[in-house]
Amino acid sequence: MKKLLNVFIALLVVLAAASVYFTFVKPVEFSNLIKREGVSRYAELVMVLPDDLAWIRGVMAPGEESKNVYGDTDWKLLGFEEVSLGGKSYAVANIKVKIVEFSSGILKYGKYTLVEGNKIYFIDSHHFLEGRIYKYKVLDEKAPF
């Protein structure tokens, strides 16, 4: 039993010496090739509104926006229009949105990935917009971080 205790103490001393060596004497250097943060950008998207939310066109005015905690525009309503899809008329909202573009090329607004057909929500203190992404384009303008 005493021999086993001596082995554990020796391993603990070796582990402590290795941690001091790799922390202070010769720290481990990383390549910094992996980027974990994305680039903030703006995108313009067209969102098809569900039939039961078409009335919101009369309530929300173009130019209404939601700001994030840093005071930057999170999303801004550019306007509404009608489109015909599959022989049926739908109300669509044009929205400018602050997104994050990751190094992999994935575009996200919060937890929502920007892909055509994906369901997305926009909420501010007065309104709740929901719909499906019909089309989108990333703008050249970069958003403040």
N, C-alpha and C. Protein backbone atom coordinates (compact mmCIF):
# COMPACT_ATOMS: atom_id res chain seq x y z
N MET A 1 0.82 -1.19 0.00
CA MET A 1 0.00 0.00 0.00
C MET A 1 0.87 1.26 0.00
N LYS A 2 1.95 1.22 0.80
CA LYS A 2 2.83 2.37 0.89
C LYS A 2 3.56 2.58 -0.44
N LYS A 3 3.86 1.48 -1.13
CA LYS A 3 4.54 1.56 -2.42
C LYS A 3 3.63 2.24 -3.45
N LEU A 4 2.33 1.91 -3.43
CA LEU A 4 1.37 2.50 -4.35
C LEU A 4 1.22 4.01 -4.08
N LEU A 5 1.22 4.38 -2.83
CA LEU A 5 1.14 5.79 -2.45
C LEU A 5 2.37 6.55 -2.95
N ASN A 6 3.55 5.94 -2.86
CA ASN A 6 4.78 6.57 -3.36
C ASN A 6 4.73 6.75 -4.87
N VAL A 7 4.15 5.80 -5.59
CA VAL A 7 4.02 5.92 -7.04
C VAL A 7 3.10 7.09 -7.40
N PHE A 8 1.96 7.21 -6.71
CA PHE A 8 1.03 8.32 -6.97
C PHE A 8 1.66 9.67 -6.66
N ILE A 9 2.43 9.75 -5.58
CA ILE A 9 3.11 11.00 -5.24
C ILE A 9 4.16 11.34 -6.29
N ALA A 10 4.88 10.35 -6.79
CA ALA A 10 5.88 10.58 -7.83
C ALA A 10 5.21 11.07 -9.12
N LEU A 11 4.09 10.45 -9.48
CA LEU A 11 3.35 10.90 -10.68
C LEU A 11 2.83 12.33 -10.50
N LEU A 12 2.39 12.66 -9.32
CA LEU A 12 1.90 14.01 -9.04
C LEU A 12 3.02 15.03 -9.16
N VAL A 13 4.20 14.70 -8.67
CA VAL A 13 5.36 15.59 -8.77
C VAL A 13 5.76 15.77 -10.23
N VAL A 14 5.76 14.69 -11.02
CA VAL A 14 6.09 14.78 -12.45
C VAL A 14 5.07 15.64 -13.18
N LEU A 15 3.80 15.45 -12.87
CA LEU A 15 2.73 16.24 -13.50
C LEU A 15 2.87 17.72 -13.14
N ALA A 16 3.16 18.03 -11.89
CA ALA A 16 3.33 19.42 -11.47
C ALA A 16 4.54 20.04 -12.15
N ALA A 17 5.65 19.29 -12.25
CA ALA A 17 6.85 19.80 -12.92
C ALA A 17 6.58 20.05 -14.40
N ALA A 18 5.84 19.15 -15.05
CA ALA A 18 5.52 19.33 -16.48
C ALA A 18 4.62 20.54 -16.68
N SER A 19 3.68 20.74 -15.80
CA SER A 19 2.79 21.89 -15.96
C SER A 19 3.54 23.21 -15.76
N VAL A 20 4.47 23.26 -14.81
CA VAL A 20 5.29 24.47 -14.63
C VAL A 20 6.18 24.68 -15.84
N TYR A 21 6.78 23.61 -16.38
CA TYR A 21 7.67 23.73 -17.54
C TYR A 21 6.91 24.24 -18.76
N PHE A 22 5.73 23.64 -19.07
CA PHE A 22 4.98 24.03 -20.27
C PHE A 22 4.19 25.32 -20.10
N THR A 23 4.10 25.82 -18.87
CA THR A 23 3.42 27.10 -18.65
C THR A 23 4.41 28.26 -18.65
N PHE A 24 5.55 28.11 -17.97
CA PHE A 24 6.46 29.23 -17.80
C PHE A 24 7.77 29.11 -18.59
N VAL A 25 8.37 27.95 -18.65
CA VAL A 25 9.68 27.79 -19.28
C VAL A 25 9.55 27.75 -20.80
N LYS A 26 8.77 26.85 -21.31
CA LYS A 26 8.57 26.73 -22.76
C LYS A 26 7.09 26.55 -23.04
N PRO A 27 6.33 27.65 -23.12
CA PRO A 27 4.89 27.53 -23.34
C PRO A 27 4.57 26.92 -24.71
N VAL A 28 3.47 26.24 -24.76
CA VAL A 28 3.01 25.63 -26.01
C VAL A 28 2.45 26.75 -26.89
N GLU A 29 2.92 26.84 -28.14
CA GLU A 29 2.43 27.86 -29.07
C GLU A 29 1.45 27.22 -30.03
N PHE A 30 0.37 27.94 -30.28
CA PHE A 30 -0.66 27.44 -31.19
C PHE A 30 -0.51 28.13 -32.54
N SER A 31 -1.01 27.49 -33.58
CA SER A 31 -0.83 27.99 -34.94
C SER A 31 -1.75 29.15 -35.27
N ASN A 32 -2.82 29.34 -34.53
CA ASN A 32 -3.82 30.38 -34.80
C ASN A 32 -4.45 30.24 -36.18
N LEU A 33 -4.46 29.04 -36.73
CA LEU A 33 -5.08 28.82 -38.02
C LEU A 33 -6.59 28.66 -37.90
N ILE A 34 -7.06 28.28 -36.75
CA ILE A 34 -8.50 28.10 -36.55
C ILE A 34 -9.09 29.42 -36.06
N LYS A 35 -10.06 29.92 -36.79
CA LYS A 35 -10.75 31.14 -36.39
C LYS A 35 -12.09 30.74 -35.78
N ARG A 36 -12.28 31.07 -34.54
CA ARG A 36 -13.52 30.70 -33.88
C ARG A 36 -14.58 31.79 -34.00
N GLU A 37 -14.18 32.99 -34.26
CA GLU A 37 -15.12 34.10 -34.39
C GLU A 37 -15.39 34.38 -35.85
N GLY A 38 -16.60 34.67 -36.17
CA GLY A 38 -16.96 35.02 -37.53
C GLY A 38 -16.86 36.52 -37.75
N VAL A 39 -17.09 36.93 -38.98
CA VAL A 39 -17.06 38.34 -39.35
C VAL A 39 -18.49 38.85 -39.40
N SER A 40 -18.75 39.96 -38.72
CA SER A 40 -20.09 40.55 -38.74
C SER A 40 -20.29 41.29 -40.05
N ARG A 41 -21.40 41.00 -40.71
CA ARG A 41 -21.73 41.63 -41.99
C ARG A 41 -23.23 41.91 -42.00
N TYR A 42 -23.65 42.61 -43.03
CA TYR A 42 -25.08 42.82 -43.24
C TYR A 42 -25.53 42.02 -44.45
N ALA A 43 -26.75 41.54 -44.39
CA ALA A 43 -27.36 40.83 -45.51
C ALA A 43 -28.76 41.39 -45.70
N GLU A 44 -29.22 41.31 -46.92
CA GLU A 44 -30.57 41.71 -47.24
C GLU A 44 -31.32 40.44 -47.58
N LEU A 45 -32.44 40.21 -46.89
CA LEU A 45 -33.18 38.99 -47.18
C LEU A 45 -34.63 39.28 -47.44
N VAL A 46 -35.22 38.40 -48.22
CA VAL A 46 -36.64 38.46 -48.53
C VAL A 46 -37.27 37.29 -47.80
N MET A 47 -38.25 37.61 -46.94
CA MET A 47 -38.87 36.61 -46.10
C MET A 47 -40.35 36.50 -46.45
N VAL A 48 -40.80 35.29 -46.76
CA VAL A 48 -42.21 35.05 -47.06
C VAL A 48 -42.96 34.95 -45.74
N LEU A 49 -43.98 35.79 -45.59
CA LEU A 49 -44.78 35.80 -44.37
C LEU A 49 -45.88 34.74 -44.46
N PRO A 50 -46.23 34.11 -43.36
CA PRO A 50 -47.35 33.17 -43.39
C PRO A 50 -48.66 33.94 -43.62
N ASP A 51 -49.67 33.23 -44.13
CA ASP A 51 -50.96 33.87 -44.44
C ASP A 51 -51.58 34.58 -43.25
N ASP A 52 -51.45 34.00 -42.07
CA ASP A 52 -52.08 34.60 -40.90
C ASP A 52 -51.32 35.80 -40.35
N LEU A 53 -50.19 36.16 -40.96
CA LEU A 53 -49.41 37.32 -40.52
C LEU A 53 -49.35 38.41 -41.59
N ALA A 54 -50.11 38.26 -42.66
CA ALA A 54 -50.09 39.25 -43.74
C ALA A 54 -50.60 40.62 -43.27
N TRP A 55 -51.41 40.67 -42.24
CA TRP A 55 -51.95 41.92 -41.73
C TRP A 55 -50.87 42.84 -41.16
N ILE A 56 -49.68 42.30 -40.84
CA ILE A 56 -48.62 43.10 -40.22
C ILE A 56 -48.13 44.19 -41.15
N ARG A 57 -48.41 44.04 -42.46
CA ARG A 57 -48.00 45.08 -43.42
C ARG A 57 -48.63 46.42 -43.11
N GLY A 58 -49.84 46.41 -42.56
CA GLY A 58 -50.51 47.66 -42.21
C GLY A 58 -50.09 48.22 -40.87
N VAL A 59 -49.37 47.44 -40.09
CA VAL A 59 -48.98 47.85 -38.74
C VAL A 59 -47.54 48.36 -38.71
N MET A 60 -46.65 47.64 -39.37
CA MET A 60 -45.23 48.02 -39.35
C MET A 60 -44.90 48.91 -40.54
N ALA A 61 -44.13 49.94 -40.27
CA ALA A 61 -43.72 50.86 -41.33
C ALA A 61 -42.28 50.56 -41.74
N PRO A 62 -41.96 50.72 -43.02
CA PRO A 62 -40.57 50.55 -43.44
C PRO A 62 -39.66 51.50 -42.64
N GLY A 63 -38.51 51.00 -42.27
CA GLY A 63 -37.57 51.79 -41.47
C GLY A 63 -37.56 51.38 -40.01
N GLU A 64 -38.56 50.62 -39.58
CA GLU A 64 -38.54 50.15 -38.19
C GLU A 64 -37.39 49.18 -38.02
N GLU A 65 -36.71 49.29 -36.90
CA GLU A 65 -35.53 48.46 -36.69
C GLU A 65 -35.42 48.02 -35.25
N SER A 66 -34.58 47.05 -35.03
CA SER A 66 -34.27 46.55 -33.70
C SER A 66 -32.77 46.71 -33.50
N LYS A 67 -32.40 47.26 -32.36
CA LYS A 67 -30.98 47.45 -32.05
C LYS A 67 -30.55 46.42 -31.02
N ASN A 68 -29.28 46.02 -31.10
CA ASN A 68 -28.76 45.07 -30.12
C ASN A 68 -28.25 45.84 -28.89
N VAL A 69 -27.67 45.15 -27.95
CA VAL A 69 -27.23 45.78 -26.70
C VAL A 69 -26.09 46.77 -26.90
N TYR A 70 -25.39 46.70 -28.04
CA TYR A 70 -24.30 47.63 -28.33
C TYR A 70 -24.78 48.85 -29.10
N GLY A 71 -26.06 48.92 -29.41
CA GLY A 71 -26.59 50.05 -30.15
C GLY A 71 -26.51 49.91 -31.65
N ASP A 72 -26.03 48.77 -32.14
CA ASP A 72 -25.96 48.53 -33.59
C ASP A 72 -27.29 48.01 -34.09
N THR A 73 -27.57 48.24 -35.36
CA THR A 73 -28.80 47.73 -35.95
C THR A 73 -28.72 46.22 -36.07
N ASP A 74 -29.65 45.53 -35.44
CA ASP A 74 -29.72 44.08 -35.50
C ASP A 74 -30.49 43.67 -36.75
N TRP A 75 -31.63 44.29 -36.98
CA TRP A 75 -32.38 44.11 -38.22
C TRP A 75 -33.22 45.35 -38.48
N LYS A 76 -33.49 45.58 -39.76
CA LYS A 76 -34.24 46.77 -40.16
C LYS A 76 -35.20 46.38 -41.27
N LEU A 77 -36.46 46.76 -41.11
CA LEU A 77 -37.47 46.48 -42.12
C LEU A 77 -37.32 47.46 -43.27
N LEU A 78 -37.08 46.95 -44.47
CA LEU A 78 -36.94 47.81 -45.65
C LEU A 78 -38.26 48.03 -46.36
N GLY A 79 -39.19 47.11 -46.21
CA GLY A 79 -40.50 47.27 -46.83
C GLY A 79 -41.18 45.93 -47.07
N PHE A 80 -42.42 46.03 -47.57
CA PHE A 80 -43.21 44.85 -47.90
C PHE A 80 -43.56 44.88 -49.37
N GLU A 81 -43.80 43.71 -49.93
CA GLU A 81 -44.30 43.62 -51.30
C GLU A 81 -45.03 42.30 -51.46
N GLU A 82 -45.64 42.11 -52.61
CA GLU A 82 -46.35 40.87 -52.93
C GLU A 82 -45.55 40.12 -53.98
N VAL A 83 -45.47 38.81 -53.83
CA VAL A 83 -44.86 37.96 -54.85
C VAL A 83 -45.80 36.80 -55.15
N SER A 84 -45.69 36.29 -56.36
CA SER A 84 -46.49 35.15 -56.76
C SER A 84 -45.57 33.92 -56.80
N LEU A 85 -45.90 32.94 -55.99
CA LEU A 85 -45.12 31.70 -55.92
C LEU A 85 -46.07 30.52 -56.12
N GLY A 86 -45.84 29.76 -57.15
CA GLY A 86 -46.68 28.60 -57.41
C GLY A 86 -48.11 28.96 -57.69
N GLY A 87 -48.34 30.12 -58.30
CA GLY A 87 -49.69 30.53 -58.62
C GLY A 87 -50.46 31.16 -57.47
N LYS A 88 -49.82 31.31 -56.34
CA LYS A 88 -50.48 31.92 -55.18
C LYS A 88 -49.72 33.18 -54.78
N SER A 89 -50.44 34.20 -54.34
CA SER A 89 -49.83 35.46 -53.95
C SER A 89 -49.48 35.44 -52.46
N TYR A 90 -48.26 35.85 -52.16
CA TYR A 90 -47.79 35.89 -50.77
C TYR A 90 -47.25 37.28 -50.45
N ALA A 91 -47.36 37.67 -49.18
CA ALA A 91 -46.73 38.89 -48.69
C ALA A 91 -45.30 38.55 -48.29
N VAL A 92 -44.36 39.40 -48.71
CA VAL A 92 -42.97 39.20 -48.32
C VAL A 92 -42.45 40.47 -47.65
N ALA A 93 -41.52 40.28 -46.76
CA ALA A 93 -40.87 41.40 -46.07
C ALA A 93 -39.42 41.44 -46.52
N ASN A 94 -38.94 42.63 -46.87
CA ASN A 94 -37.53 42.84 -47.19
C ASN A 94 -36.86 43.37 -45.93
N ILE A 95 -35.84 42.67 -45.47
CA ILE A 95 -35.23 43.01 -44.19
C ILE A 95 -33.71 43.04 -44.34
N LYS A 96 -33.09 44.06 -43.75
CA LYS A 96 -31.64 44.14 -43.66
C LYS A 96 -31.25 43.60 -42.29
N VAL A 97 -30.34 42.63 -42.28
CA VAL A 97 -30.05 41.88 -41.06
C VAL A 97 -28.55 41.85 -40.80
N LYS A 98 -28.17 41.95 -39.54
CA LYS A 98 -26.77 41.79 -39.16
C LYS A 98 -26.51 40.31 -38.95
N ILE A 99 -25.60 39.75 -39.74
CA ILE A 99 -25.31 38.32 -39.68
C ILE A 99 -23.84 38.11 -39.31
N VAL A 100 -23.49 36.88 -39.09
CA VAL A 100 -22.10 36.49 -38.86
C VAL A 100 -21.71 35.50 -39.94
N GLU A 101 -20.60 35.80 -40.62
CA GLU A 101 -20.09 34.90 -41.64
C GLU A 101 -18.89 34.17 -41.07
N PHE A 102 -19.00 32.86 -40.96
CA PHE A 102 -17.92 32.05 -40.40
C PHE A 102 -16.93 31.69 -41.49
N SER A 103 -15.74 31.27 -41.08
CA SER A 103 -14.69 30.93 -42.05
C SER A 103 -15.10 29.77 -42.95
N SER A 104 -16.05 28.97 -42.52
CA SER A 104 -16.53 27.86 -43.33
C SER A 104 -17.51 28.31 -44.41
N GLY A 105 -17.92 29.59 -44.36
CA GLY A 105 -18.88 30.10 -45.33
C GLY A 105 -20.30 30.09 -44.84
N ILE A 106 -20.54 29.55 -43.66
CA ILE A 106 -21.89 29.51 -43.11
C ILE A 106 -22.29 30.90 -42.64
N LEU A 107 -23.51 31.30 -42.97
CA LEU A 107 -24.05 32.59 -42.57
C LEU A 107 -25.12 32.35 -41.51
N LYS A 108 -25.03 33.08 -40.40
CA LYS A 108 -25.99 32.89 -39.32
C LYS A 108 -26.51 34.22 -38.81
N TYR A 109 -27.79 34.24 -38.47
CA TYR A 109 -28.40 35.33 -37.72
C TYR A 109 -28.84 34.70 -36.40
N GLY A 110 -28.07 34.96 -35.34
CA GLY A 110 -28.34 34.29 -34.07
C GLY A 110 -28.18 32.79 -34.24
N LYS A 111 -29.22 32.06 -33.91
CA LYS A 111 -29.15 30.60 -34.07
C LYS A 111 -29.65 30.14 -35.43
N TYR A 112 -30.13 31.07 -36.26
CA TYR A 112 -30.73 30.71 -37.54
C TYR A 112 -29.69 30.76 -38.66
N THR A 113 -29.57 29.67 -39.41
CA THR A 113 -28.67 29.63 -40.55
C THR A 113 -29.40 30.20 -41.76
N LEU A 114 -28.72 31.08 -42.50
CA LEU A 114 -29.33 31.68 -43.68
C LEU A 114 -29.24 30.72 -44.86
N VAL A 115 -30.32 30.02 -45.09
CA VAL A 115 -30.49 29.16 -46.26
C VAL A 115 -31.93 29.34 -46.73
N GLU A 116 -32.13 29.26 -48.01
CA GLU A 116 -33.47 29.44 -48.55
C GLU A 116 -34.40 28.37 -48.01
N GLY A 117 -35.57 28.80 -47.56
CA GLY A 117 -36.56 27.88 -47.01
C GLY A 117 -36.52 27.75 -45.50
N ASN A 118 -35.45 28.24 -44.87
CA ASN A 118 -35.33 28.12 -43.42
C ASN A 118 -36.29 29.08 -42.74
N LYS A 119 -36.87 28.64 -41.64
CA LYS A 119 -37.76 29.48 -40.85
C LYS A 119 -36.91 30.42 -40.01
N ILE A 120 -37.36 31.68 -39.89
CA ILE A 120 -36.59 32.68 -39.16
C ILE A 120 -37.56 33.62 -38.45
N TYR A 121 -37.12 34.15 -37.32
CA TYR A 121 -37.93 35.04 -36.50
C TYR A 121 -37.20 36.35 -36.27
N PHE A 122 -37.95 37.44 -36.26
CA PHE A 122 -37.42 38.76 -35.91
C PHE A 122 -38.33 39.34 -34.85
N ILE A 123 -37.74 39.69 -33.72
CA ILE A 123 -38.53 40.15 -32.58
C ILE A 123 -37.93 41.45 -32.06
N ASP A 124 -38.78 42.43 -31.80
CA ASP A 124 -38.35 43.61 -31.06
C ASP A 124 -39.38 43.86 -29.95
N SER A 125 -39.33 44.99 -29.32
CA SER A 125 -40.21 45.22 -28.17
C SER A 125 -41.67 45.41 -28.57
N HIS A 126 -41.95 45.63 -29.86
CA HIS A 126 -43.33 45.89 -30.28
C HIS A 126 -43.88 44.89 -31.30
N HIS A 127 -43.00 44.19 -32.00
CA HIS A 127 -43.44 43.33 -33.10
C HIS A 127 -42.75 41.97 -33.08
N PHE A 128 -43.43 41.03 -33.70
CA PHE A 128 -42.90 39.68 -33.87
C PHE A 128 -43.13 39.29 -35.32
N LEU A 129 -42.05 39.11 -36.06
CA LEU A 129 -42.15 38.70 -37.46
C LEU A 129 -41.62 37.28 -37.59
N GLU A 130 -42.34 36.47 -38.33
CA GLU A 130 -41.86 35.13 -38.61
C GLU A 130 -42.11 34.83 -40.07
N GLY A 131 -41.32 33.94 -40.61
CA GLY A 131 -41.51 33.56 -42.00
C GLY A 131 -40.40 32.63 -42.46
N ARG A 132 -40.39 32.41 -43.75
CA ARG A 132 -39.35 31.57 -44.35
C ARG A 132 -38.52 32.41 -45.31
N ILE A 133 -37.22 32.14 -45.32
CA ILE A 133 -36.32 32.88 -46.20
C ILE A 133 -36.59 32.47 -47.64
N TYR A 134 -36.92 33.45 -48.47
CA TYR A 134 -37.15 33.20 -49.88
C TYR A 134 -35.84 33.34 -50.65
N LYS A 135 -35.14 34.44 -50.42
CA LYS A 135 -33.80 34.64 -50.99
C LYS A 135 -33.07 35.66 -50.14
N TYR A 136 -31.76 35.69 -50.30
CA TYR A 136 -30.94 36.62 -49.53
C TYR A 136 -29.68 36.93 -50.32
N LYS A 137 -29.04 38.03 -49.95
CA LYS A 137 -27.72 38.37 -50.50
C LYS A 137 -26.92 39.09 -49.43
N VAL A 138 -25.65 38.74 -49.37
CA VAL A 138 -24.75 39.37 -48.41
C VAL A 138 -24.29 40.70 -49.01
N LEU A 139 -24.38 41.74 -48.22
CA LEU A 139 -23.99 43.07 -48.69
C LEU A 139 -22.50 43.28 -48.50
N ASP A 140 -21.93 44.19 -49.26
CA ASP A 140 -20.50 44.48 -49.15
C ASP A 140 -20.14 45.19 -47.86
N GLU A 141 -21.11 45.86 -47.27
CA GLU A 141 -20.84 46.65 -46.07
C GLU A 141 -20.65 45.72 -44.87
N LYS A 142 -19.55 45.94 -44.15
CA LYS A 142 -19.27 45.15 -42.95
C LYS A 142 -19.91 45.84 -41.75
N ALA A 143 -20.40 45.05 -40.85
CA ALA A 143 -21.05 45.59 -39.65
C ALA A 143 -20.00 45.85 -38.58
N PRO A 144 -20.26 46.82 -37.72
CA PRO A 144 -19.33 47.02 -36.59
C PRO A 144 -19.38 45.79 -35.70
N PHE A 145 -18.24 45.45 -35.12
CA PHE A 145 -18.15 44.22 -34.34
C PHE A 145 -18.85 44.34 -33.05
